């Protein structure tokens, strides 16, 4: 991948984290309203939007990290960094597993179906929200800064080589 594309990729990943936070807040709002408004068009539409976002955008985001962010860091000689990446990879599996249980319930709410056990939905959603928040904290506090620093070093090295060649 070319460096300018990598810079844009990190911007997109950062924006996606903001969107994930927003959708998690929306999920918490829907959960709070379900007891009294489970059949409201507003609640159903929010559930549909949340389900669609996490089934499509968030999954794609995780695949992007697995393809383009994690591999270079796994080759590091920093054991803490490698362990953090492995933890994030494991998180992706847990988040996906939890999502596979949660998504059908949200789709049912979105479609106005009444088979959903609200206590189970709320529990699964709370686990999902917690997993996602903890996951993003680790990425933003360690993984992304390290990956961005490595990219900056690569760009500086490339610029120095080009300047040297031009001289």
C-alpha atoms as a PDB file:
ATOM      1  CA  UNK A   1       0.000   0.000   0.000  1.00  0.00           C
ATOM      2  CA  UNK A   2       1.314   3.464  -0.860  1.00  0.00           C
ATOM      3  CA  UNK A   3       1.966   5.945   1.934  1.00  0.00           C
ATOM      4  CA  UNK A   4      -0.662   8.603   1.012  1.00  0.00           C
ATOM      5  CA  UNK A   5      -3.223   5.813   0.848  1.00  0.00           C
ATOM      6  CA  UNK A   6      -2.100   4.645   4.299  1.00  0.00           C
ATOM      7  CA  UNK A   7      -2.517   8.158   5.711  1.00  0.00           C
ATOM      8  CA  UNK A   8      -6.054   8.304   4.323  1.00  0.00           C
ATOM      9  CA  UNK A   9      -6.714   4.817   5.649  1.00  0.00           C
ATOM     10  CA  UNK A  10      -5.854   5.901   9.203  1.00  0.00           C
ATOM     11  CA  UNK A  11      -8.116   8.916   8.874  1.00  0.00           C
ATOM     12  CA  UNK A  12     -10.926   6.605   7.772  1.00  0.00           C
ATOM     13  CA  UNK A  13     -10.233   4.197  10.649  1.00  0.00           C
ATOM     14  CA  UNK A  14     -10.309   7.082  13.139  1.00  0.00           C
ATOM     15  CA  UNK A  15     -13.604   8.349  11.683  1.00  0.00           C
ATOM     16  CA  UNK A  16     -15.036   4.847  11.919  1.00  0.00           C
ATOM     17  CA  UNK A  17     -14.138   4.702  15.625  1.00  0.00           C
ATOM     18  CA  UNK A  18     -16.110   7.920  16.111  1.00  0.00           C
ATOM     19  CA  UNK A  19     -19.039   6.365  14.248  1.00  0.00           C
ATOM     20  CA  UNK A  20     -18.800   3.214  16.369  1.00  0.00           C
ATOM     21  CA  UNK A  21     -18.943   5.312  19.542  1.00  0.00           C
ATOM     22  CA  UNK A  22     -21.990   7.116  18.150  1.00  0.00           C
ATOM     23  CA  UNK A  23     -23.743   3.861  17.251  1.00  0.00           C
ATOM     24  CA  UNK A  24     -22.946   2.370  20.669  1.00  0.00           C
ATOM     25  CA  UNK A  25     -24.549   5.430  22.273  1.00  0.00           C
ATOM     26  CA  UNK A  26     -27.566   4.957  20.005  1.00  0.00           C
ATOM     27  CA  UNK A  27     -27.729   1.295  21.052  1.00  0.00           C
ATOM     28  CA  UNK A  28     -27.711   2.310  24.717  1.00  0.00           C
ATOM     29  CA  UNK A  29     -30.515   4.780  23.971  1.00  0.00           C
ATOM     30  CA  UNK A  30     -32.600   2.133  22.209  1.00  0.00           C
ATOM     31  CA  UNK A  31     -32.093  -0.263  25.120  1.00  0.00           C
ATOM     32  CA  UNK A  32     -33.276   2.385  27.563  1.00  0.00           C
ATOM     33  CA  UNK A  33     -36.418   2.964  25.501  1.00  0.00           C
ATOM     34  CA  UNK A  34     -37.319  -0.640  24.721  1.00  0.00           C
ATOM     35  CA  UNK A  35     -39.354  -1.219  27.870  1.00  0.00           C
ATOM     36  CA  UNK A  36     -41.788   1.548  27.006  1.00  0.00           C
ATOM     37  CA  UNK A  37     -41.343   2.177  23.280  1.00  0.00           C
ATOM     38  CA  UNK A  38     -40.353  -1.161  21.734  1.00  0.00           C
ATOM     39  CA  UNK A  39     -43.001  -0.818  19.044  1.00  0.00           C
ATOM     40  CA  UNK A  40     -42.402   2.839  18.206  1.00  0.00           C
ATOM     41  CA  UNK A  41     -41.306   3.628  14.639  1.00  0.00           C
ATOM     42  CA  UNK A  42     -38.436   5.689  16.082  1.00  0.00           C
ATOM     43  CA  UNK A  43     -37.104   2.751  18.124  1.00  0.00           C
ATOM     44  CA  UNK A  44     -37.533   0.336  15.218  1.00  0.00           C
ATOM     45  CA  UNK A  45     -35.667   2.654  12.838  1.00  0.00           C
ATOM     46  CA  UNK A  46     -32.804   3.141  15.292  1.00  0.00           C
ATOM     47  CA  UNK A  47     -32.522  -0.628  15.782  1.00  0.00           C
ATOM     48  CA  UNK A  48     -32.418  -1.093  12.001  1.00  0.00           C
ATOM     49  CA  UNK A  49     -29.713   1.564  11.559  1.00  0.00           C
ATOM     50  CA  UNK A  50     -27.587   0.145  14.384  1.00  0.00           C
ATOM     51  CA  UNK A  51     -27.892  -3.418  13.082  1.00  0.00           C
ATOM     52  CA  UNK A  52     -26.967  -2.343   9.570  1.00  0.00           C
ATOM     53  CA  UNK A  53     -23.977  -0.300  10.745  1.00  0.00           C
ATOM     54  CA  UNK A  54     -22.440  -3.069  12.841  1.00  0.00           C
ATOM     55  CA  UNK A  55     -23.223  -5.796  10.306  1.00  0.00           C
ATOM     56  CA  UNK A  56     -21.588  -3.868   7.482  1.00  0.00           C
ATOM     57  CA  UNK A  57     -19.369  -0.913   8.415  1.00  0.00           C
ATOM     58  CA  UNK A  58     -17.921  -2.199  11.693  1.00  0.00           C
ATOM     59  CA  UNK A  59     -17.195  -5.648  10.243  1.00  0.00           C
ATOM     60  CA  UNK A  60     -15.424  -4.047   7.302  1.00  0.00           C
ATOM     61  CA  UNK A  61     -13.473  -1.857   9.734  1.00  0.00           C
ATOM     62  CA  UNK A  62     -12.206  -4.902  11.623  1.00  0.00           C
ATOM     63  CA  UNK A  63     -11.235  -6.649   8.386  1.00  0.00           C
ATOM     64  CA  UNK A  64      -9.301  -3.520   7.353  1.00  0.00           C
ATOM     65  CA  UNK A  65      -7.378  -3.531  10.630  1.00  0.00           C
ATOM     66  CA  UNK A  66      -6.604  -7.234  10.265  1.00  0.00           C
ATOM     67  CA  UNK A  67      -5.321  -6.683   6.711  1.00  0.00           C
ATOM     68  CA  UNK A  68      -3.519  -3.373   6.921  1.00  0.00           C
ATOM     69  CA  UNK A  69      -2.688  -2.396  10.512  1.00  0.00           C
ATOM     70  CA  UNK A  70      -1.988  -5.527  12.532  1.00  0.00           C
ATOM     71  CA  UNK A  71       0.443  -7.504  10.303  1.00  0.00           C
ATOM     72  CA  UNK A  72       3.342  -5.018  10.496  1.00  0.00           C
ATOM     73  CA  UNK A  73       2.925  -4.675  14.258  1.00  0.00           C
ATOM     74  CA  UNK A  74       2.908  -8.449  14.767  1.00  0.00           C
ATOM     75  CA  UNK A  75       6.437  -8.457  13.324  1.00  0.00           C
ATOM     76  CA  UNK A  76       7.653  -6.103  16.040  1.00  0.00           C
ATOM     77  CA  UNK A  77      10.297  -7.100  18.554  1.00  0.00           C
ATOM     78  CA  UNK A  78       8.205  -5.329  21.226  1.00  0.00           C
ATOM     79  CA  UNK A  79       6.487  -8.191  23.101  1.00  0.00           C
ATOM     80  CA  UNK A  80       3.920  -5.862  24.720  1.00  0.00           C
ATOM     81  CA  UNK A  81       2.895  -4.524  21.318  1.00  0.00           C
ATOM     82  CA  UNK A  82       2.624  -7.996  19.789  1.00  0.00           C
ATOM     83  CA  UNK A  83       0.524  -9.187  22.747  1.00  0.00           C
ATOM     84  CA  UNK A  84      -1.763  -6.155  22.394  1.00  0.00           C
ATOM     85  CA  UNK A  85      -2.316  -6.925  18.710  1.00  0.00           C
ATOM     86  CA  UNK A  86      -3.062 -10.562  19.529  1.00  0.00           C
ATOM     87  CA  UNK A  87      -5.549  -9.378  22.161  1.00  0.00           C
ATOM     88  CA  UNK A  88      -7.235  -7.163  19.568  1.00  0.00           C
ATOM     89  CA  UNK A  89      -7.425 -10.047  17.121  1.00  0.00           C
ATOM     90  CA  UNK A  90      -9.050 -12.157  19.823  1.00  0.00           C
ATOM     91  CA  UNK A  91     -11.402  -9.249  20.584  1.00  0.00           C
ATOM     92  CA  UNK A  92     -12.480  -9.205  16.940  1.00  0.00           C
ATOM     93  CA  UNK A  93     -13.551 -12.831  17.316  1.00  0.00           C
ATOM     94  CA  UNK A  94     -15.429 -12.177  20.551  1.00  0.00           C
ATOM     95  CA  UNK A  95     -17.091  -9.060  19.159  1.00  0.00           C
ATOM     96  CA  UNK A  96     -18.169 -11.020  16.080  1.00  0.00           C
ATOM     97  CA  UNK A  97     -19.498 -13.899  18.177  1.00  0.00           C
ATOM     98  CA  UNK A  98     -21.447 -11.528  20.404  1.00  0.00           C
ATOM     99  CA  UNK A  99     -22.736  -9.669  17.356  1.00  0.00           C
ATOM    100  CA  UNK A 100     -24.013 -12.922  15.802  1.00  0.00           C
ATOM    101  CA  UNK A 101     -26.223 -13.321  18.890  1.00  0.00           C
ATOM    102  CA  UNK A 102     -27.257  -9.677  19.109  1.00  0.00           C
ATOM    103  CA  UNK A 103     -27.944  -8.841  15.441  1.00  0.00           C
ATOM    104  CA  UNK A 104     -30.989 -11.119  14.972  1.00  0.00           C
ATOM    105  CA  UNK A 105     -32.581  -9.637  18.073  1.00  0.00           C
ATOM    106  CA  UNK A 106     -32.042  -6.083  16.803  1.00  0.00           C
ATOM    107  CA  UNK A 107     -33.426  -7.062  13.384  1.00  0.00           C
ATOM    108  CA  UNK A 108     -36.498  -8.479  15.122  1.00  0.00           C
ATOM    109  CA  UNK A 109     -36.972  -5.246  17.080  1.00  0.00           C
ATOM    110  CA  UNK A 110     -36.545  -3.282  13.841  1.00  0.00           C
ATOM    111  CA  UNK A 111     -39.237  -5.396  12.178  1.00  0.00           C
ATOM    112  CA  UNK A 112     -41.625  -5.100  15.126  1.00  0.00           C
ATOM    113  CA  UNK A 113     -41.434  -8.785  15.996  1.00  0.00           C
ATOM    114  CA  UNK A 114     -42.226  -9.748  19.582  1.00  0.00           C
ATOM    115  CA  UNK A 115     -40.171 -12.915  20.143  1.00  0.00           C
ATOM    116  CA  UNK A 116     -37.150 -11.115  21.602  1.00  0.00           C
ATOM    117  CA  UNK A 117     -36.356 -11.719  25.259  1.00  0.00           C
ATOM    118  CA  UNK A 118     -35.622  -8.162  26.373  1.00  0.00           C
ATOM    119  CA  UNK A 119     -33.425  -9.232  29.296  1.00  0.00           C
ATOM    120  CA  UNK A 120     -31.267 -11.324  26.929  1.00  0.00           C
ATOM    121  CA  UNK A 121     -31.127  -8.497  24.391  1.00  0.00           C
ATOM    122  CA  UNK A 122     -30.035  -6.025  27.034  1.00  0.00           C
ATOM    123  CA  UNK A 123     -27.418  -8.388  28.442  1.00  0.00           C
ATOM    124  CA  UNK A 124     -25.961  -9.155  25.005  1.00  0.00           C
ATOM    125  CA  UNK A 125     -25.950  -5.470  24.121  1.00  0.00           C
ATOM    126  CA  UNK A 126     -24.188  -4.539  27.374  1.00  0.00           C
ATOM    127  CA  UNK A 127     -21.502  -7.158  26.707  1.00  0.00           C
ATOM    128  CA  UNK A 128     -21.155  -5.928  23.117  1.00  0.00           C
ATOM    129  CA  UNK A 129     -20.856  -2.270  24.163  1.00  0.00           C
ATOM    130  CA  UNK A 130     -18.250  -3.120  26.795  1.00  0.00           C
ATOM    131  CA  UNK A 131     -16.200  -5.242  24.382  1.00  0.00           C
ATOM    132  CA  UNK A 132     -16.260  -2.529  21.733  1.00  0.00           C
ATOM    133  CA  UNK A 133     -15.315   0.263  24.124  1.00  0.00           C
ATOM    134  CA  UNK A 134     -12.419  -1.673  25.659  1.00  0.00           C
ATOM    135  CA  UNK A 135     -11.250  -2.706  22.203  1.00  0.00           C
ATOM    136  CA  UNK A 136     -11.199   0.843  20.867  1.00  0.00           C
ATOM    137  CA  UNK A 137      -9.370   2.130  23.952  1.00  0.00           C
ATOM    138  CA  UNK A 138      -6.530  -0.336  23.349  1.00  0.00           C
ATOM    139  CA  UNK A 139      -6.370   0.505  19.663  1.00  0.00           C
ATOM    140  CA  UNK A 140      -6.372   4.250  20.205  1.00  0.00           C
ATOM    141  CA  UNK A 141      -3.979   4.252  23.171  1.00  0.00           C
ATOM    142  CA  UNK A 142      -1.329   1.886  21.803  1.00  0.00           C
ATOM    143  CA  UNK A 143      -1.882   0.312  18.404  1.00  0.00           C
ATOM    144  CA  UNK A 144      -2.894   3.267  16.252  1.00  0.00           C
ATOM    145  CA  UNK A 145      -0.237   5.613  17.697  1.00  0.00           C
ATOM    146  CA  UNK A 146       2.445   2.974  17.088  1.00  0.00           C
ATOM    147  CA  UNK A 147       1.245   2.231  13.568  1.00  0.00           C
ATOM    148  CA  UNK A 148       1.011   5.965  12.785  1.00  0.00           C
ATOM    149  CA  UNK A 149       4.510   6.578  14.190  1.00  0.00           C
ATOM    150  CA  UNK A 150       5.880   3.808  12.005  1.00  0.00           C
ATOM    151  CA  UNK A 151       4.136   5.305   8.992  1.00  0.00           C
ATOM    152  CA  UNK A 152       5.561   8.765   9.797  1.00  0.00           C
ATOM    153  CA  UNK A 153       9.063   7.261  10.030  1.00  0.00           C
ATOM    154  CA  UNK A 154       8.566   5.524   6.708  1.00  0.00           C
ATOM    155  CA  UNK A 155       7.383   8.758   5.061  1.00  0.00           C
ATOM    156  CA  UNK A 156      10.290  10.748   6.522  1.00  0.00           C
ATOM    157  CA  UNK A 157      12.761   8.116   5.352  1.00  0.00           C
ATOM    158  CA  UNK A 158      11.224   8.108   1.891  1.00  0.00           C
ATOM    159  CA  UNK A 159      11.350  11.925   1.710  1.00  0.00           C
ATOM    160  CA  UNK A 160      15.000  11.896   2.794  1.00  0.00           C
ATOM    161  CA  UNK A 161      15.874   9.343   0.116  1.00  0.00           C
ATOM    162  CA  UNK A 162      14.081  11.370  -2.543  1.00  0.00           C
ATOM    163  CA  UNK A 163      15.823  14.562  -1.422  1.00  0.00           C
ATOM    164  CA  UNK A 164      19.171  12.770  -1.494  1.00  0.00           C
ATOM    165  CA  UNK A 165      18.484  11.439  -4.978  1.00  0.00           C
ATOM    166  CA  UNK A 166      17.502  14.894  -6.210  1.00  0.00           C
ATOM    167  CA  UNK A 167      20.674  16.489  -4.825  1.00  0.00           C
END
